[in-house]
Amino acid sequence: MPSWFKLILEMLIFALAILLIYNGIKYFILDKLKVKVNKWVVLAIAFVFLVVPSFLGVDPKNPLWVYGPSGIFIILFLWFIDLSGWNKRKTADSTSTSTYYKKGNKKDIKIKPKAKPNRVKNKKD
């Protein structure tokens, strides 16, 4: 197996594992937090995990030191994106300027006939 294929396979497995871990953490832990977390603190901690291992001079042969801080950085950065609201999908309620939608709930629409005053005047018996 060529070395480039092995490298791409490792990166895909790492990305898939990080996304699965983040979704599990988000579902079981982050969504249930009662404390309001500042998004900038999360971003600062993420960049600490990105920069500090390069200053420590970690052993590149140890996969724990190679993948660990990178994985923690990615998880914290994804949490920052969630806290910032960048990943919110546009819904019909948020993009609509119609008065029939109010904060996700449909307003009751009552159709009333329009008054036509000329009908009475022009009616010939």
C-alpha atoms as a PDB file:
ATOM      1  CA  MET A   1       0.000   0.000   0.000  1.00  0.00           C
ATOM      2  CA  PRO A   2       1.478   3.389  -0.967  1.00  0.00           C
ATOM      3  CA  SER A   3       2.375   5.769   1.809  1.00  0.00           C
ATOM      4  CA  TRP A   4       0.156   8.573   0.436  1.00  0.00           C
ATOM      5  CA  PHE A   5      -2.857   6.259   0.486  1.00  0.00           C
ATOM      6  CA  LYS A   6      -2.101   5.300   4.080  1.00  0.00           C
ATOM      7  CA  LEU A   7      -1.813   8.979   5.051  1.00  0.00           C
ATOM      8  CA  ILE A   8      -5.137   9.897   3.410  1.00  0.00           C
ATOM      9  CA  LEU A   9      -6.814   6.915   5.061  1.00  0.00           C
ATOM     10  CA  GLU A  10      -5.451   7.958   8.481  1.00  0.00           C
ATOM     11  CA  MET A  11      -6.720  11.530   7.986  1.00  0.00           C
ATOM     12  CA  LEU A  12     -10.192  10.332   6.965  1.00  0.00           C
ATOM     13  CA  ILE A  13     -10.426   7.978   9.930  1.00  0.00           C
ATOM     14  CA  PHE A  14      -9.209  10.760  12.264  1.00  0.00           C
ATOM     15  CA  ALA A  15     -11.756  13.254  10.864  1.00  0.00           C
ATOM     16  CA  LEU A  16     -14.591  10.743  11.153  1.00  0.00           C
ATOM     17  CA  ALA A  17     -13.586   9.818  14.699  1.00  0.00           C
ATOM     18  CA  ILE A  18     -13.396  13.469  15.773  1.00  0.00           C
ATOM     19  CA  LEU A  19     -16.812  14.239  14.273  1.00  0.00           C
ATOM     20  CA  LEU A  20     -18.370  11.222  15.980  1.00  0.00           C
ATOM     21  CA  ILE A  21     -16.771  12.131  19.310  1.00  0.00           C
ATOM     22  CA  TYR A  22     -17.883  15.766  18.996  1.00  0.00           C
ATOM     23  CA  ASN A  23     -21.465  14.815  18.158  1.00  0.00           C
ATOM     24  CA  GLY A  24     -21.546  12.491  21.160  1.00  0.00           C
ATOM     25  CA  ILE A  25     -20.097  15.150  23.452  1.00  0.00           C
ATOM     26  CA  LYS A  26     -22.500  17.740  22.071  1.00  0.00           C
ATOM     27  CA  TYR A  27     -25.558  15.519  22.504  1.00  0.00           C
ATOM     28  CA  PHE A  28     -24.746  14.177  25.967  1.00  0.00           C
ATOM     29  CA  ILE A  29     -22.783  17.009  27.604  1.00  0.00           C
ATOM     30  CA  LEU A  30     -22.733  20.371  25.823  1.00  0.00           C
ATOM     31  CA  ASP A  31     -26.469  20.666  25.190  1.00  0.00           C
ATOM     32  CA  LYS A  32     -27.194  19.903  28.850  1.00  0.00           C
ATOM     33  CA  LEU A  33     -24.832  22.489  30.337  1.00  0.00           C
ATOM     34  CA  LYS A  34     -26.676  24.878  32.611  1.00  0.00           C
ATOM     35  CA  VAL A  35     -23.794  27.392  32.653  1.00  0.00           C
ATOM     36  CA  LYS A  36     -23.524  29.985  29.892  1.00  0.00           C
ATOM     37  CA  VAL A  37     -20.084  29.493  28.342  1.00  0.00           C
ATOM     38  CA  ASN A  38     -18.286  32.414  26.742  1.00  0.00           C
ATOM     39  CA  LYS A  39     -17.386  31.569  23.137  1.00  0.00           C
ATOM     40  CA  TRP A  40     -14.138  33.562  23.268  1.00  0.00           C
ATOM     41  CA  VAL A  41     -12.879  31.553  26.244  1.00  0.00           C
ATOM     42  CA  VAL A  42     -13.537  28.356  24.291  1.00  0.00           C
ATOM     43  CA  LEU A  43     -11.625  29.774  21.289  1.00  0.00           C
ATOM     44  CA  ALA A  44      -8.689  30.833  23.493  1.00  0.00           C
ATOM     45  CA  ILE A  45      -8.467  27.356  25.052  1.00  0.00           C
ATOM     46  CA  ALA A  46      -8.613  25.841  21.563  1.00  0.00           C
ATOM     47  CA  PHE A  47      -5.665  27.928  20.389  1.00  0.00           C
ATOM     48  CA  VAL A  48      -3.725  26.993  23.518  1.00  0.00           C
ATOM     49  CA  PHE A  49      -4.143  23.346  22.550  1.00  0.00           C
ATOM     50  CA  LEU A  50      -3.025  24.213  19.022  1.00  0.00           C
ATOM     51  CA  VAL A  51       0.125  26.161  19.942  1.00  0.00           C
ATOM     52  CA  VAL A  52       1.455  24.685  23.198  1.00  0.00           C
ATOM     53  CA  PRO A  53       2.466  21.221  21.867  1.00  0.00           C
ATOM     54  CA  SER A  54       4.803  22.829  19.337  1.00  0.00           C
ATOM     55  CA  PHE A  55       6.601  24.704  22.136  1.00  0.00           C
ATOM     56  CA  LEU A  56       6.892  21.610  24.297  1.00  0.00           C
ATOM     57  CA  GLY A  57       8.786  19.699  21.620  1.00  0.00           C
ATOM     58  CA  VAL A  58       6.652  16.580  21.686  1.00  0.00           C
ATOM     59  CA  ASP A  59       7.754  13.302  20.169  1.00  0.00           C
ATOM     60  CA  PRO A  60       6.229  13.057  16.665  1.00  0.00           C
ATOM     61  CA  LYS A  61       6.432   9.250  16.771  1.00  0.00           C
ATOM     62  CA  ASN A  62       3.963   9.016  19.640  1.00  0.00           C
ATOM     63  CA  PRO A  63       0.442   9.108  18.118  1.00  0.00           C
ATOM     64  CA  LEU A  64      -1.052  10.364  21.387  1.00  0.00           C
ATOM     65  CA  TRP A  65       0.957  13.594  21.132  1.00  0.00           C
ATOM     66  CA  VAL A  66       0.291  13.926  17.411  1.00  0.00           C
ATOM     67  CA  TYR A  67      -3.459  13.338  17.332  1.00  0.00           C
ATOM     68  CA  GLY A  68      -4.450  14.298  20.886  1.00  0.00           C
ATOM     69  CA  PRO A  69      -3.955  18.097  20.891  1.00  0.00           C
ATOM     70  CA  SER A  70      -5.176  18.343  17.296  1.00  0.00           C
ATOM     71  CA  GLY A  71      -8.338  16.460  18.161  1.00  0.00           C
ATOM     72  CA  ILE A  72      -8.965  18.591  21.243  1.00  0.00           C
ATOM     73  CA  PHE A  73      -8.413  21.746  19.170  1.00  0.00           C
ATOM     74  CA  ILE A  74     -10.908  20.601  16.536  1.00  0.00           C
ATOM     75  CA  ILE A  75     -13.515  19.685  19.153  1.00  0.00           C
ATOM     76  CA  LEU A  76     -13.142  23.045  20.920  1.00  0.00           C
ATOM     77  CA  PHE A  77     -13.230  24.917  17.612  1.00  0.00           C
ATOM     78  CA  LEU A  78     -16.433  23.116  16.587  1.00  0.00           C
ATOM     79  CA  TRP A  79     -17.902  24.064  19.968  1.00  0.00           C
ATOM     80  CA  PHE A  80     -16.905  27.699  19.310  1.00  0.00           C
ATOM     81  CA  ILE A  81     -18.699  27.549  15.953  1.00  0.00           C
ATOM     82  CA  ASP A  82     -21.806  26.182  17.688  1.00  0.00           C
ATOM     83  CA  LEU A  83     -21.688  28.914  20.314  1.00  0.00           C
ATOM     84  CA  SER A  84     -21.230  31.597  17.642  1.00  0.00           C
ATOM     85  CA  GLY A  85     -24.236  30.402  15.685  1.00  0.00           C
ATOM     86  CA  TRP A  86     -22.410  30.088  12.369  1.00  0.00           C
ATOM     87  CA  ASN A  87     -23.881  26.676  11.676  1.00  0.00           C
ATOM     88  CA  LYS A  88     -27.536  27.626  12.062  1.00  0.00           C
ATOM     89  CA  ARG A  89     -29.534  26.677   9.039  1.00  0.00           C
ATOM     90  CA  LYS A  90     -31.816  29.189   7.431  1.00  0.00           C
ATOM     91  CA  THR A  91     -35.441  28.276   7.956  1.00  0.00           C
ATOM     92  CA  ALA A  92     -38.579  29.693   6.402  1.00  0.00           C
ATOM     93  CA  ASP A  93     -39.354  31.352   9.718  1.00  0.00           C
ATOM     94  CA  SER A  94     -36.085  33.252   9.974  1.00  0.00           C
ATOM     95  CA  THR A  95     -35.813  34.379   6.345  1.00  0.00           C
ATOM     96  CA  SER A  96     -39.452  35.188   5.791  1.00  0.00           C
ATOM     97  CA  THR A  97     -40.570  38.790   6.046  1.00  0.00           C
ATOM     98  CA  SER A  98     -44.209  37.795   6.029  1.00  0.00           C
ATOM     99  CA  THR A  99     -46.373  38.740   8.973  1.00  0.00           C
ATOM    100  CA  TYR A 100     -47.831  35.267   9.095  1.00  0.00           C
ATOM    101  CA  TYR A 101     -44.771  33.843  10.852  1.00  0.00           C
ATOM    102  CA  LYS A 102     -43.843  34.797  14.374  1.00  0.00           C
ATOM    103  CA  LYS A 103     -40.872  33.137  16.059  1.00  0.00           C
ATOM    104  CA  GLY A 104     -41.387  29.709  14.587  1.00  0.00           C
ATOM    105  CA  ASN A 105     -45.138  29.500  15.168  1.00  0.00           C
ATOM    106  CA  LYS A 106     -47.672  30.028  12.436  1.00  0.00           C
ATOM    107  CA  LYS A 107     -50.138  32.766  13.085  1.00  0.00           C
ATOM    108  CA  ASP A 108     -53.751  31.835  12.448  1.00  0.00           C
ATOM    109  CA  ILE A 109     -54.766  33.096   9.034  1.00  0.00           C
ATOM    110  CA  LYS A 110     -58.384  34.155   8.680  1.00  0.00           C
ATOM    111  CA  ILE A 111     -59.576  34.792   5.174  1.00  0.00           C
ATOM    112  CA  LYS A 112     -62.181  37.525   5.032  1.00  0.00           C
ATOM    113  CA  PRO A 113     -64.026  38.473   1.848  1.00  0.00           C
ATOM    114  CA  LYS A 114     -63.284  41.911   0.479  1.00  0.00           C
ATOM    115  CA  ALA A 115     -66.174  44.336   0.528  1.00  0.00           C
ATOM    116  CA  LYS A 116     -67.342  45.285  -2.942  1.00  0.00           C
ATOM    117  CA  PRO A 117     -69.446  48.448  -2.584  1.00  0.00           C
ATOM    118  CA  ASN A 118     -70.208  48.905  -6.276  1.00  0.00           C
ATOM    119  CA  ARG A 119     -72.218  45.702  -6.446  1.00  0.00           C
ATOM    120  CA  VAL A 120     -75.085  47.192  -4.503  1.00  0.00           C
ATOM    121  CA  LYS A 121     -75.126  50.406  -6.530  1.00  0.00           C
ATOM    122  CA  ASN A 122     -75.046  48.722  -9.901  1.00  0.00           C
ATOM    123  CA  LYS A 123     -77.513  45.982  -9.111  1.00  0.00           C
ATOM    124  CA  LYS A 124     -80.673  46.339 -11.169  1.00  0.00           C
ATOM    125  CA  ASP A 125     -83.778  44.515 -10.040  1.00  0.00           C
END
